[in-house]
Amino acid sequence: MDLSKLRTGELIAAIGGLVLIVCLLFLNWYGVGISVQTPFGDSSVGADFGAWDGQGFLGTLANLVILAAGVAAVGLAVVTAGSRSVALPVAASTLTTTLGIGAVLMVIGRMLLQPGPNGIVDLKYGIFVALVGSVAVAYGGWQGMQEEGTTFSQAGPSARPAPPSATSPPAPAEPSPPPRTEPPPPATPGEPPPSAPPPGGPPAG
């Protein structure tokens, strides 16, 4: 694995992917606070919970998209650093960009559609950090595609042109020598050459 192969976009995406994974697993996204009246006065009861706590089907589905974006971003860096093929990093950059955009939409959706009434549910710092991480994944994947000169329509196996061959061009062919002509055979003494006209003009009529 050669880390020097990583470019700026791939590094940004990898950092954003790590941030997303940490946010999903360890940080709190929501807080619930309720004011309760007691004989001794008003008191607040609250609790914080993370992205996976008490989520329904839609929340779990959104979390899976966000998690896939984080894993893809980290995988992009691993594939680029360890792959010998030029087609795999291009395909990974395209997949990372697509999942990163999806993660941005999912995090924004989780902000707008809170798991409970807005009056008792507050957004915690974890969801804002997750938004920053998802934007980094999307931007890093897109930047990686730009650094490769690739668009979404060119993300097939032949997207990145093959490097020029290191072999030298073939030497130009040398011109063939002209065909050799054999000299005519020597004439017999006393006889004119076969191709020479007879001496004198034609006999007078």
N, C-alpha and C. Protein backbone atom coordinates (compact mmCIF):
# COMPACT_ATOMS: atom_id res chain seq x y z
N MET A 1 0.84 -1.20 0.00
CA MET A 1 0.00 0.00 0.00
C MET A 1 0.88 1.25 0.00
N ASP A 2 0.63 2.13 -0.97
CA ASP A 2 1.44 3.33 -1.13
C ASP A 2 0.56 4.55 -0.88
N LEU A 3 0.75 5.20 0.28
CA LEU A 3 -0.07 6.36 0.63
C LEU A 3 0.25 7.57 -0.23
N SER A 4 1.39 7.56 -0.91
CA SER A 4 1.72 8.71 -1.76
C SER A 4 0.81 8.79 -2.98
N LYS A 5 0.06 7.73 -3.27
CA LYS A 5 -0.87 7.75 -4.39
C LYS A 5 -2.12 8.57 -4.08
N LEU A 6 -2.39 8.82 -2.81
CA LEU A 6 -3.60 9.54 -2.43
C LEU A 6 -3.50 11.00 -2.83
N ARG A 7 -4.56 11.49 -3.42
CA ARG A 7 -4.62 12.89 -3.80
C ARG A 7 -5.48 13.67 -2.81
N THR A 8 -5.59 14.98 -3.07
CA THR A 8 -6.27 15.85 -2.11
C THR A 8 -7.73 15.42 -1.92
N GLY A 9 -8.44 15.18 -3.01
CA GLY A 9 -9.83 14.80 -2.90
C GLY A 9 -10.03 13.50 -2.15
N GLU A 10 -9.17 12.54 -2.39
CA GLU A 10 -9.30 11.25 -1.70
C GLU A 10 -9.00 11.38 -0.22
N LEU A 11 -8.07 12.24 0.15
CA LEU A 11 -7.79 12.48 1.57
C LEU A 11 -8.97 13.16 2.26
N ILE A 12 -9.57 14.15 1.59
CA ILE A 12 -10.72 14.83 2.16
C ILE A 12 -11.88 13.86 2.36
N ALA A 13 -12.12 13.03 1.35
CA ALA A 13 -13.21 12.06 1.46
C ALA A 13 -12.95 11.05 2.58
N ALA A 14 -11.71 10.61 2.72
CA ALA A 14 -11.40 9.63 3.76
C ALA A 14 -11.59 10.23 5.16
N ILE A 15 -11.16 11.48 5.35
CA ILE A 15 -11.36 12.14 6.65
C ILE A 15 -12.85 12.32 6.94
N GLY A 16 -13.60 12.74 5.92
CA GLY A 16 -15.04 12.88 6.10
C GLY A 16 -15.71 11.55 6.40
N GLY A 17 -15.24 10.47 5.77
CA GLY A 17 -15.80 9.16 6.06
C GLY A 17 -15.55 8.71 7.48
N LEU A 18 -14.35 8.96 7.98
CA LEU A 18 -14.07 8.63 9.39
C LEU A 18 -14.94 9.43 10.34
N VAL A 19 -15.14 10.71 10.01
CA VAL A 19 -16.00 11.55 10.85
C VAL A 19 -17.42 11.02 10.87
N LEU A 20 -17.93 10.59 9.72
CA LEU A 20 -19.28 10.04 9.66
C LEU A 20 -19.41 8.79 10.51
N ILE A 21 -18.45 7.89 10.41
CA ILE A 21 -18.51 6.65 11.17
C ILE A 21 -18.49 6.93 12.67
N VAL A 22 -17.63 7.86 13.09
CA VAL A 22 -17.55 8.21 14.52
C VAL A 22 -18.88 8.83 14.98
N CYS A 23 -19.45 9.71 14.16
CA CYS A 23 -20.71 10.34 14.54
C CYS A 23 -21.83 9.32 14.68
N LEU A 24 -21.88 8.38 13.77
CA LEU A 24 -22.95 7.38 13.81
C LEU A 24 -22.83 6.46 15.02
N LEU A 25 -21.62 6.18 15.45
CA LEU A 25 -21.43 5.18 16.49
C LEU A 25 -21.28 5.77 17.90
N PHE A 26 -20.76 6.98 18.01
CA PHE A 26 -20.36 7.44 19.34
C PHE A 26 -20.97 8.78 19.77
N LEU A 27 -21.44 9.61 18.85
CA LEU A 27 -21.91 10.94 19.23
C LEU A 27 -23.44 10.97 19.32
N ASN A 28 -23.92 11.89 20.16
CA ASN A 28 -25.36 12.09 20.31
C ASN A 28 -25.88 13.03 19.23
N TRP A 29 -27.03 12.67 18.69
CA TRP A 29 -27.65 13.47 17.65
C TRP A 29 -28.84 14.28 18.16
N TYR A 30 -29.53 13.76 19.15
CA TYR A 30 -30.75 14.41 19.63
C TYR A 30 -30.73 14.46 21.15
N GLY A 31 -31.48 15.41 21.66
CA GLY A 31 -31.68 15.53 23.10
C GLY A 31 -33.15 15.79 23.39
N VAL A 32 -33.67 15.16 24.41
CA VAL A 32 -35.07 15.32 24.80
C VAL A 32 -35.10 15.99 26.17
N GLY A 33 -35.82 17.07 26.26
CA GLY A 33 -35.94 17.79 27.53
C GLY A 33 -37.39 18.06 27.86
N ILE A 34 -37.80 17.73 29.06
CA ILE A 34 -39.18 17.93 29.49
C ILE A 34 -39.15 18.65 30.83
N SER A 35 -39.97 19.67 30.96
CA SER A 35 -40.09 20.41 32.21
C SER A 35 -41.23 19.80 33.03
N VAL A 36 -40.92 19.43 34.25
CA VAL A 36 -41.89 18.76 35.13
C VAL A 36 -42.11 19.62 36.36
N GLN A 37 -43.37 19.81 36.69
CA GLN A 37 -43.72 20.58 37.88
C GLN A 37 -43.84 19.63 39.08
N THR A 38 -43.17 19.95 40.13
CA THR A 38 -43.19 19.15 41.35
C THR A 38 -43.53 20.07 42.52
N PRO A 39 -43.89 19.48 43.67
CA PRO A 39 -44.15 20.33 44.85
C PRO A 39 -42.96 21.18 45.26
N PHE A 40 -41.80 20.80 44.83
CA PHE A 40 -40.59 21.54 45.19
C PHE A 40 -40.18 22.55 44.12
N GLY A 41 -41.00 22.65 43.05
CA GLY A 41 -40.68 23.57 41.97
C GLY A 41 -40.58 22.85 40.64
N ASP A 42 -40.26 23.61 39.63
CA ASP A 42 -40.11 23.03 38.30
C ASP A 42 -38.72 22.41 38.14
N SER A 43 -38.71 21.29 37.47
CA SER A 43 -37.44 20.61 37.18
C SER A 43 -37.46 20.10 35.76
N SER A 44 -36.32 19.99 35.19
CA SER A 44 -36.19 19.52 33.81
C SER A 44 -35.65 18.10 33.80
N VAL A 45 -36.27 17.29 33.00
CA VAL A 45 -35.83 15.91 32.81
C VAL A 45 -35.45 15.75 31.34
N GLY A 46 -34.27 15.28 31.10
CA GLY A 46 -33.82 15.15 29.71
C GLY A 46 -32.90 13.98 29.53
N ALA A 47 -32.71 13.63 28.27
CA ALA A 47 -31.81 12.54 27.91
C ALA A 47 -31.32 12.78 26.49
N ASP A 48 -30.12 12.35 26.24
CA ASP A 48 -29.54 12.44 24.91
C ASP A 48 -29.45 11.04 24.30
N PHE A 49 -29.60 10.98 23.00
CA PHE A 49 -29.47 9.68 22.32
C PHE A 49 -28.85 9.88 20.95
N GLY A 50 -28.28 8.79 20.45
CA GLY A 50 -27.54 8.84 19.20
C GLY A 50 -28.39 8.57 17.98
N ALA A 51 -27.70 8.36 16.86
CA ALA A 51 -28.39 8.22 15.58
C ALA A 51 -29.19 6.93 15.50
N TRP A 52 -28.79 5.89 16.23
CA TRP A 52 -29.45 4.59 16.12
C TRP A 52 -30.48 4.35 17.21
N ASP A 53 -30.58 5.22 18.18
CA ASP A 53 -31.46 4.98 19.33
C ASP A 53 -32.91 5.33 18.99
N GLY A 54 -33.77 4.35 19.13
CA GLY A 54 -35.20 4.58 18.96
C GLY A 54 -35.60 5.05 17.58
N GLN A 55 -34.93 4.59 16.56
CA GLN A 55 -35.24 5.03 15.20
C GLN A 55 -36.19 4.01 14.54
N GLY A 56 -37.07 4.53 13.71
CA GLY A 56 -37.94 3.67 12.94
C GLY A 56 -37.26 3.19 11.67
N PHE A 57 -38.08 2.71 10.74
CA PHE A 57 -37.54 2.16 9.51
C PHE A 57 -36.84 3.23 8.68
N LEU A 58 -37.47 4.40 8.55
CA LEU A 58 -36.88 5.46 7.73
C LEU A 58 -35.58 5.98 8.34
N GLY A 59 -35.56 6.11 9.66
CA GLY A 59 -34.34 6.56 10.30
C GLY A 59 -33.21 5.56 10.14
N THR A 60 -33.53 4.27 10.26
CA THR A 60 -32.51 3.24 10.07
C THR A 60 -32.01 3.21 8.64
N LEU A 61 -32.93 3.37 7.67
CA LEU A 61 -32.53 3.39 6.27
C LEU A 61 -31.62 4.57 5.98
N ALA A 62 -31.94 5.74 6.54
CA ALA A 62 -31.07 6.91 6.36
C ALA A 62 -29.71 6.67 6.98
N ASN A 63 -29.68 6.04 8.14
CA ASN A 63 -28.39 5.75 8.78
C ASN A 63 -27.55 4.80 7.94
N LEU A 64 -28.19 3.84 7.29
CA LEU A 64 -27.44 2.91 6.45
C LEU A 64 -26.81 3.62 5.25
N VAL A 65 -27.53 4.57 4.68
CA VAL A 65 -26.97 5.35 3.56
C VAL A 65 -25.78 6.17 4.05
N ILE A 66 -25.92 6.79 5.21
CA ILE A 66 -24.82 7.59 5.76
C ILE A 66 -23.62 6.71 6.08
N LEU A 67 -23.89 5.54 6.66
CA LEU A 67 -22.80 4.62 6.97
C LEU A 67 -22.11 4.12 5.71
N ALA A 68 -22.89 3.84 4.67
CA ALA A 68 -22.30 3.40 3.40
C ALA A 68 -21.40 4.48 2.80
N ALA A 69 -21.79 5.75 2.94
CA ALA A 69 -20.95 6.84 2.43
C ALA A 69 -19.64 6.90 3.19
N GLY A 70 -19.69 6.73 4.52
CA GLY A 70 -18.44 6.75 5.29
C GLY A 70 -17.52 5.60 4.94
N VAL A 71 -18.10 4.39 4.81
CA VAL A 71 -17.28 3.23 4.47
C VAL A 71 -16.71 3.37 3.06
N ALA A 72 -17.50 3.88 2.11
CA ALA A 72 -17.01 4.05 0.75
C ALA A 72 -15.88 5.06 0.68
N ALA A 73 -15.98 6.13 1.48
CA ALA A 73 -14.92 7.14 1.46
C ALA A 73 -13.61 6.59 2.00
N VAL A 74 -13.69 5.83 3.08
CA VAL A 74 -12.47 5.20 3.60
C VAL A 74 -11.96 4.14 2.63
N GLY A 75 -12.89 3.39 2.04
CA GLY A 75 -12.48 2.39 1.06
C GLY A 75 -11.83 2.99 -0.17
N LEU A 76 -12.27 4.21 -0.56
CA LEU A 76 -11.65 4.88 -1.70
C LEU A 76 -10.16 5.10 -1.46
N ALA A 77 -9.82 5.56 -0.24
CA ALA A 77 -8.41 5.78 0.07
C ALA A 77 -7.64 4.47 0.07
N VAL A 78 -8.24 3.41 0.61
CA VAL A 78 -7.56 2.11 0.66
C VAL A 78 -7.35 1.56 -0.74
N VAL A 79 -8.40 1.65 -1.58
CA VAL A 79 -8.29 1.12 -2.94
C VAL A 79 -7.26 1.89 -3.74
N THR A 80 -7.27 3.22 -3.61
CA THR A 80 -6.32 4.04 -4.36
C THR A 80 -4.89 3.76 -3.94
N ALA A 81 -4.68 3.59 -2.64
CA ALA A 81 -3.31 3.38 -2.15
C ALA A 81 -2.80 1.98 -2.48
N GLY A 82 -3.69 1.01 -2.63
CA GLY A 82 -3.21 -0.35 -2.82
C GLY A 82 -3.51 -0.97 -4.15
N SER A 83 -4.23 -0.27 -5.04
CA SER A 83 -4.61 -0.87 -6.31
C SER A 83 -3.61 -0.54 -7.39
N ARG A 84 -3.39 -1.51 -8.27
CA ARG A 84 -2.55 -1.28 -9.45
C ARG A 84 -3.37 -0.91 -10.66
N SER A 85 -4.66 -1.14 -10.62
CA SER A 85 -5.53 -0.82 -11.74
C SER A 85 -5.97 0.62 -11.65
N VAL A 86 -6.03 1.31 -12.78
CA VAL A 86 -6.46 2.70 -12.80
C VAL A 86 -7.97 2.83 -12.87
N ALA A 87 -8.68 1.75 -13.23
CA ALA A 87 -10.13 1.83 -13.37
C ALA A 87 -10.83 1.77 -12.02
N LEU A 88 -10.27 1.01 -11.06
CA LEU A 88 -10.92 0.86 -9.77
C LEU A 88 -11.02 2.17 -9.00
N PRO A 89 -9.95 2.98 -8.87
CA PRO A 89 -10.10 4.26 -8.17
C PRO A 89 -11.13 5.19 -8.81
N VAL A 90 -11.24 5.19 -10.14
CA VAL A 90 -12.23 6.04 -10.78
C VAL A 90 -13.63 5.60 -10.42
N ALA A 91 -13.88 4.29 -10.48
CA ALA A 91 -15.20 3.78 -10.09
C ALA A 91 -15.48 4.05 -8.62
N ALA A 92 -14.47 3.93 -7.76
CA ALA A 92 -14.66 4.20 -6.33
C ALA A 92 -14.94 5.68 -6.09
N SER A 93 -14.30 6.57 -6.82
CA SER A 93 -14.57 8.00 -6.67
C SER A 93 -16.00 8.34 -7.05
N THR A 94 -16.49 7.74 -8.12
CA THR A 94 -17.87 7.98 -8.54
C THR A 94 -18.85 7.47 -7.50
N LEU A 95 -18.62 6.26 -6.99
CA LEU A 95 -19.51 5.71 -5.96
C LEU A 95 -19.46 6.56 -4.69
N THR A 96 -18.27 7.01 -4.30
CA THR A 96 -18.15 7.83 -3.10
C THR A 96 -18.88 9.15 -3.25
N THR A 97 -18.76 9.78 -4.41
CA THR A 97 -19.47 11.04 -4.64
C THR A 97 -20.97 10.85 -4.56
N THR A 98 -21.47 9.79 -5.19
CA THR A 98 -22.91 9.54 -5.17
C THR A 98 -23.42 9.29 -3.76
N LEU A 99 -22.71 8.43 -3.01
CA LEU A 99 -23.13 8.16 -1.63
C LEU A 99 -22.96 9.38 -0.73
N GLY A 100 -21.93 10.18 -1.00
CA GLY A 100 -21.75 11.40 -0.21
C GLY A 100 -22.90 12.37 -0.39
N ILE A 101 -23.36 12.54 -1.63
CA ILE A 101 -24.51 13.41 -1.87
C ILE A 101 -25.74 12.84 -1.17
N GLY A 102 -25.91 11.52 -1.26
CA GLY A 102 -27.03 10.90 -0.55
C GLY A 102 -26.94 11.09 0.95
N ALA A 103 -25.72 11.01 1.50
CA ALA A 103 -25.55 11.21 2.95
C ALA A 103 -25.90 12.63 3.36
N VAL A 104 -25.53 13.62 2.54
CA VAL A 104 -25.88 15.00 2.85
C VAL A 104 -27.41 15.15 2.93
N LEU A 105 -28.10 14.56 1.96
CA LEU A 105 -29.56 14.66 1.96
C LEU A 105 -30.17 13.93 3.15
N MET A 106 -29.58 12.79 3.51
CA MET A 106 -30.12 12.04 4.64
C MET A 106 -29.93 12.78 5.96
N VAL A 107 -28.77 13.39 6.14
CA VAL A 107 -28.52 14.12 7.38
C VAL A 107 -29.45 15.33 7.49
N ILE A 108 -29.62 16.05 6.37
CA ILE A 108 -30.55 17.18 6.39
C ILE A 108 -31.97 16.70 6.69
N GLY A 109 -32.34 15.56 6.10
CA GLY A 109 -33.65 15.01 6.40
C GLY A 109 -33.81 14.64 7.86
N ARG A 110 -32.73 14.09 8.47
CA ARG A 110 -32.80 13.77 9.89
C ARG A 110 -32.90 15.03 10.76
N MET A 111 -32.36 16.14 10.27
CA MET A 111 -32.49 17.40 11.00
C MET A 111 -33.91 17.94 10.94
N LEU A 112 -34.52 17.83 9.76
CA LEU A 112 -35.87 18.38 9.59
C LEU A 112 -36.93 17.48 10.19
N LEU A 113 -36.76 16.18 10.04
CA LEU A 113 -37.74 15.21 10.53
C LEU A 113 -37.20 14.59 11.82
N GLN A 114 -37.31 15.32 12.87
CA GLN A 114 -36.79 14.85 14.16
C GLN A 114 -37.69 13.75 14.74
N PRO A 115 -37.12 12.83 15.49
CA PRO A 115 -37.92 11.75 16.08
C PRO A 115 -38.71 12.21 17.29
N GLY A 116 -39.64 13.14 17.06
CA GLY A 116 -40.45 13.66 18.15
C GLY A 116 -40.81 15.11 17.90
N PRO A 117 -41.67 15.67 18.70
CA PRO A 117 -42.05 17.08 18.54
C PRO A 117 -40.85 18.00 18.70
N ASN A 118 -40.86 19.06 17.92
CA ASN A 118 -39.74 20.01 17.98
C ASN A 118 -39.65 20.71 19.34
N GLY A 119 -40.77 20.76 20.06
CA GLY A 119 -40.75 21.43 21.34
C GLY A 119 -39.96 20.70 22.40
N ILE A 120 -39.81 19.39 22.26
CA ILE A 120 -39.09 18.63 23.29
C ILE A 120 -37.82 17.98 22.76
N VAL A 121 -37.61 18.03 21.46
CA VAL A 121 -36.42 17.40 20.85
C VAL A 121 -35.49 18.50 20.35
N ASP A 122 -34.26 18.44 20.77
CA ASP A 122 -33.23 19.38 20.33
C ASP A 122 -32.16 18.63 19.54
N LEU A 123 -31.56 19.36 18.62
CA LEU A 123 -30.46 18.80 17.84
C LEU A 123 -29.16 18.98 18.62
N LYS A 124 -28.39 17.92 18.72
CA LYS A 124 -27.11 17.96 19.40
C LYS A 124 -25.98 18.14 18.39
N TYR A 125 -24.79 18.36 18.92
CA TYR A 125 -23.66 18.69 18.05
C TYR A 125 -23.28 17.54 17.14
N GLY A 126 -23.63 16.30 17.53
CA GLY A 126 -23.24 15.15 16.72
C GLY A 126 -23.82 15.19 15.32
N ILE A 127 -25.07 15.65 15.19
CA ILE A 127 -25.69 15.66 13.87
C ILE A 127 -25.09 16.76 12.99
N PHE A 128 -24.63 17.85 13.61
CA PHE A 128 -23.98 18.91 12.83
C PHE A 128 -22.60 18.46 12.36
N VAL A 129 -21.89 17.73 13.21
CA VAL A 129 -20.60 17.19 12.78
C VAL A 129 -20.80 16.17 11.67
N ALA A 130 -21.88 15.39 11.75
CA ALA A 130 -22.17 14.43 10.69
C ALA A 130 -22.47 15.13 9.37
N LEU A 131 -23.13 16.27 9.43
CA LEU A 131 -23.38 17.03 8.20
C LEU A 131 -22.08 17.51 7.57
N VAL A 132 -21.16 17.99 8.40
CA VAL A 132 -19.86 18.41 7.88
C VAL A 132 -19.12 17.23 7.26
N GLY A 133 -19.16 16.07 7.92
CA GLY A 133 -18.49 14.90 7.38
C GLY A 133 -19.08 14.44 6.07
N SER A 134 -20.40 14.47 5.94
CA SER A 134 -21.03 14.05 4.69
C SER A 134 -20.70 15.00 3.55
N VAL A 135 -20.65 16.30 3.86
CA VAL A 135 -20.26 17.26 2.82
C VAL A 135 -18.81 17.01 2.39
N ALA A 136 -17.94 16.68 3.35
CA ALA A 136 -16.54 16.39 3.02
C ALA A 136 -16.44 15.15 2.14
N VAL A 137 -17.26 14.15 2.41
CA VAL A 137 -17.23 12.94 1.58
C VAL A 137 -17.67 13.27 0.15
N ALA A 138 -18.77 13.99 0.01
CA ALA A 138 -19.26 14.34 -1.33
C ALA A 138 -18.26 15.21 -2.08
N TYR A 139 -17.71 16.21 -1.39
CA TYR A 139 -16.75 17.10 -2.05
C TYR A 139 -15.45 16.36 -2.38
N GLY A 140 -14.97 15.54 -1.45
CA GLY A 140 -13.73 14.82 -1.72
C GLY A 140 -13.86 13.85 -2.87
N GLY A 141 -15.00 13.13 -2.94
CA GLY A 141 -15.20 12.24 -4.09
C GLY A 141 -15.29 12.99 -5.40
N TRP A 142 -16.00 14.12 -5.38
CA TRP A 142 -16.10 14.93 -6.59
C TRP A 142 -14.74 15.50 -6.98
N GLN A 143 -13.97 15.95 -6.00
CA GLN A 143 -12.64 16.47 -6.29
C GLN A 143 -11.74 15.39 -6.86
N GLY A 144 -11.88 14.16 -6.33
CA GLY A 144 -11.10 13.05 -6.89
C GLY A 144 -11.44 12.80 -8.34
N MET A 145 -12.72 12.91 -8.69
CA MET A 145 -13.11 12.75 -10.09
C MET A 145 -12.54 13.86 -10.96
N GLN A 146 -12.53 15.09 -10.43
CA GLN A 146 -11.97 16.20 -11.20
C GLN A 146 -10.48 16.03 -11.41
N GLU A 147 -9.79 15.53 -10.40
CA GLU A 147 -8.34 15.33 -10.54
C GLU A 147 -8.02 14.25 -11.55
N GLU A 148 -8.94 13.33 -11.76
CA GLU A 148 -8.75 12.30 -12.77
C GLU A 148 -9.31 12.71 -14.12
N GLY A 149 -9.97 13.86 -14.19
CA GLY A 149 -10.59 14.28 -15.45
C GLY A 149 -11.75 13.40 -15.84
N THR A 150 -12.54 12.96 -14.84
CA THR A 150 -13.63 12.02 -15.09
C THR A 150 -14.95 12.65 -14.71
N THR A 151 -16.00 12.35 -15.47
CA THR A 151 -17.36 12.74 -15.16
C THR A 151 -18.18 11.50 -14.86
N PHE A 152 -19.44 11.71 -14.45
CA PHE A 152 -20.30 10.58 -14.14
C PHE A 152 -20.55 9.72 -15.38
N SER A 153 -20.62 10.33 -16.54
CA SER A 153 -20.87 9.57 -17.76
C SER A 153 -19.64 8.82 -18.24
N GLN A 154 -18.48 9.12 -17.68
CA GLN A 154 -17.24 8.46 -18.10
C GLN A 154 -16.69 7.55 -17.02
N ALA A 155 -17.52 7.10 -16.11
CA ALA A 155 -17.04 6.35 -14.95
C ALA A 155 -16.95 4.86 -15.20
N GLY A 156 -16.90 4.43 -16.44
CA GLY A 156 -16.76 3.01 -16.73
C GLY A 156 -15.33 2.56 -16.55
N PRO A 157 -15.06 1.27 -16.86
CA PRO A 157 -13.70 0.75 -16.67
C PRO A 157 -12.66 1.46 -17.52
N SER A 158 -13.08 2.04 -18.66
CA SER A 158 -12.10 2.70 -19.53
C SER A 158 -12.10 4.20 -19.33
N ALA A 159 -12.51 4.66 -18.14
CA ALA A 159 -12.63 6.09 -17.91
C ALA A 159 -11.28 6.78 -17.94
N ARG A 160 -10.29 6.22 -17.25
CA ARG A 160 -8.99 6.87 -17.18
C ARG A 160 -8.12 6.35 -18.31
N PRO A 161 -7.56 7.23 -19.14
CA PRO A 161 -6.74 6.74 -20.25
C PRO A 161 -5.51 6.03 -19.73
N ALA A 162 -5.10 5.02 -20.50
CA ALA A 162 -3.93 4.24 -20.12
C ALA A 162 -2.68 5.09 -20.29
N PRO A 163 -1.70 4.93 -19.42
CA PRO A 163 -0.47 5.71 -19.54
C PRO A 163 0.27 5.36 -20.80
N PRO A 164 1.02 6.30 -21.37
CA PRO A 164 1.74 6.00 -22.60
C PRO A 164 2.79 4.93 -22.37
N SER A 165 3.02 4.15 -23.41
CA SER A 165 3.99 3.06 -23.30
C SER A 165 5.39 3.61 -23.23
N ALA A 166 6.22 2.94 -22.42
CA ALA A 166 7.60 3.40 -22.25
C ALA A 166 8.51 2.92 -23.37
N THR A 167 8.03 2.03 -24.23
CA THR A 167 8.88 1.52 -25.31
C THR A 167 9.08 2.59 -26.36
N SER A 168 10.25 2.59 -27.00
CA SER A 168 10.57 3.57 -28.01
C SER A 168 9.83 3.22 -29.30
N PRO A 169 9.52 4.24 -30.12
CA PRO A 169 8.82 3.95 -31.38
C PRO A 169 9.71 3.14 -32.30
N PRO A 170 9.11 2.32 -33.15
CA PRO A 170 9.92 1.50 -34.07
C PRO A 170 10.72 2.36 -35.03
N ALA A 171 11.91 1.90 -35.33
CA ALA A 171 12.79 2.64 -36.24
C ALA A 171 12.22 2.56 -37.65
N PRO A 172 12.37 3.65 -38.43
CA PRO A 172 11.85 3.61 -39.81
C PRO A 172 12.59 2.56 -40.63
N ALA A 173 11.85 1.95 -41.50
CA ALA A 173 12.42 0.90 -42.35
C ALA A 173 13.41 1.51 -43.34
N GLU A 174 14.53 0.83 -43.51
CA GLU A 174 15.54 1.31 -44.46
C GLU A 174 15.08 1.01 -45.89
N PRO A 175 15.35 1.93 -46.82
CA PRO A 175 14.94 1.66 -48.23
C PRO A 175 15.72 0.49 -48.79
N SER A 176 15.02 -0.32 -49.54
CA SER A 176 15.66 -1.50 -50.14
C SER A 176 16.58 -1.06 -51.28
N PRO A 177 17.70 -1.71 -51.43
CA PRO A 177 18.62 -1.33 -52.51
C PRO A 177 18.01 -1.62 -53.88
N PRO A 178 18.40 -0.86 -54.89
CA PRO A 178 17.84 -1.11 -56.24
C PRO A 178 18.29 -2.48 -56.74
N PRO A 179 17.46 -3.11 -57.57
CA PRO A 179 17.83 -4.45 -58.09
C PRO A 179 19.09 -4.38 -58.95
N ARG A 180 19.88 -5.37 -58.81
CA ARG A 180 21.12 -5.43 -59.59
C ARG A 180 20.83 -5.94 -61.00
N THR A 181 21.45 -5.27 -61.97
CA THR A 181 21.27 -5.67 -63.38
C THR A 181 22.56 -6.33 -63.85
N GLU A 182 22.39 -7.45 -64.47
CA GLU A 182 23.55 -8.16 -65.01
C GLU A 182 24.04 -7.50 -66.29
N PRO A 183 25.35 -7.31 -66.49
CA PRO A 183 25.85 -6.72 -67.77
C PRO A 183 25.63 -7.70 -68.93
N PRO A 184 25.44 -7.16 -70.12
CA PRO A 184 25.23 -8.07 -71.29
C PRO A 184 26.48 -8.92 -71.54
N PRO A 185 26.27 -10.09 -72.06
CA PRO A 185 27.43 -10.96 -72.34
C PRO A 185 28.35 -10.34 -73.40
N PRO A 186 29.61 -10.57 -73.30
CA PRO A 186 30.54 -9.97 -74.30
C PRO A 186 30.28 -10.52 -75.70
N ALA A 187 30.45 -9.64 -76.67
CA ALA A 187 30.22 -10.06 -78.08
C ALA A 187 31.37 -10.91 -78.59
N THR A 188 31.03 -11.84 -79.52
CA THR A 188 32.05 -12.70 -80.14
C THR A 188 32.89 -11.86 -81.10
N PRO A 189 34.21 -12.06 -81.11
CA PRO A 189 35.05 -11.24 -82.04
C PRO A 189 34.60 -11.43 -83.48
N GLY A 190 34.52 -10.38 -84.17
CA GLY A 190 34.15 -10.41 -85.58
C GLY A 190 32.65 -10.32 -85.79
N GLU A 191 31.88 -10.40 -84.76
CA GLU A 191 30.42 -10.31 -84.89
C GLU A 191 29.94 -9.06 -84.16
N PRO A 192 28.99 -8.37 -84.77
CA PRO A 192 28.46 -7.17 -84.09
C PRO A 192 27.64 -7.60 -82.88
N PRO A 193 27.51 -6.71 -81.94
CA PRO A 193 26.67 -7.02 -80.76
C PRO A 193 25.25 -7.32 -81.21
N PRO A 194 24.56 -8.16 -80.49
CA PRO A 194 23.20 -8.55 -80.92
C PRO A 194 22.26 -7.38 -81.01
N SER A 195 22.44 -6.41 -80.11
CA SER A 195 21.48 -5.30 -80.12
C SER A 195 21.90 -4.19 -81.05
N ALA A 196 23.11 -4.25 -81.63
CA ALA A 196 23.55 -3.16 -82.50
C ALA A 196 22.98 -3.36 -83.90
N PRO A 197 22.58 -2.31 -84.59
CA PRO A 197 22.06 -2.45 -85.97
C PRO A 197 23.18 -2.86 -86.93
N PRO A 198 22.86 -3.51 -88.00
CA PRO A 198 23.89 -3.93 -88.96
C PRO A 198 24.57 -2.73 -89.56
N PRO A 199 25.85 -2.84 -89.87
CA PRO A 199 26.56 -1.68 -90.45
C PRO A 199 26.01 -1.33 -91.82
N GLY A 200 26.04 -0.10 -92.05
CA GLY A 200 25.57 0.37 -93.36
C GLY A 200 24.07 0.44 -93.40
N GLY A 201 23.53 1.08 -94.37
CA GLY A 201 22.10 1.20 -94.54
C GLY A 201 21.54 -0.02 -95.25
N PRO A 202 20.30 -0.04 -95.46
CA PRO A 202 19.67 -1.17 -96.19
C PRO A 202 20.10 -1.13 -97.65
N PRO A 203 20.17 -2.27 -98.33
CA PRO A 203 20.61 -2.31 -99.74
C PRO A 203 19.66 -1.52 -100.62
N ALA A 204 20.26 -0.86 -101.57
CA ALA A 204 19.44 -0.03 -102.48
C ALA A 204 18.61 -0.92 -103.37
N GLY A 205 17.41 -0.54 -103.64
CA GLY A 205 16.54 -1.33 -104.45
C GLY A 205 16.72 -1.06 -105.93
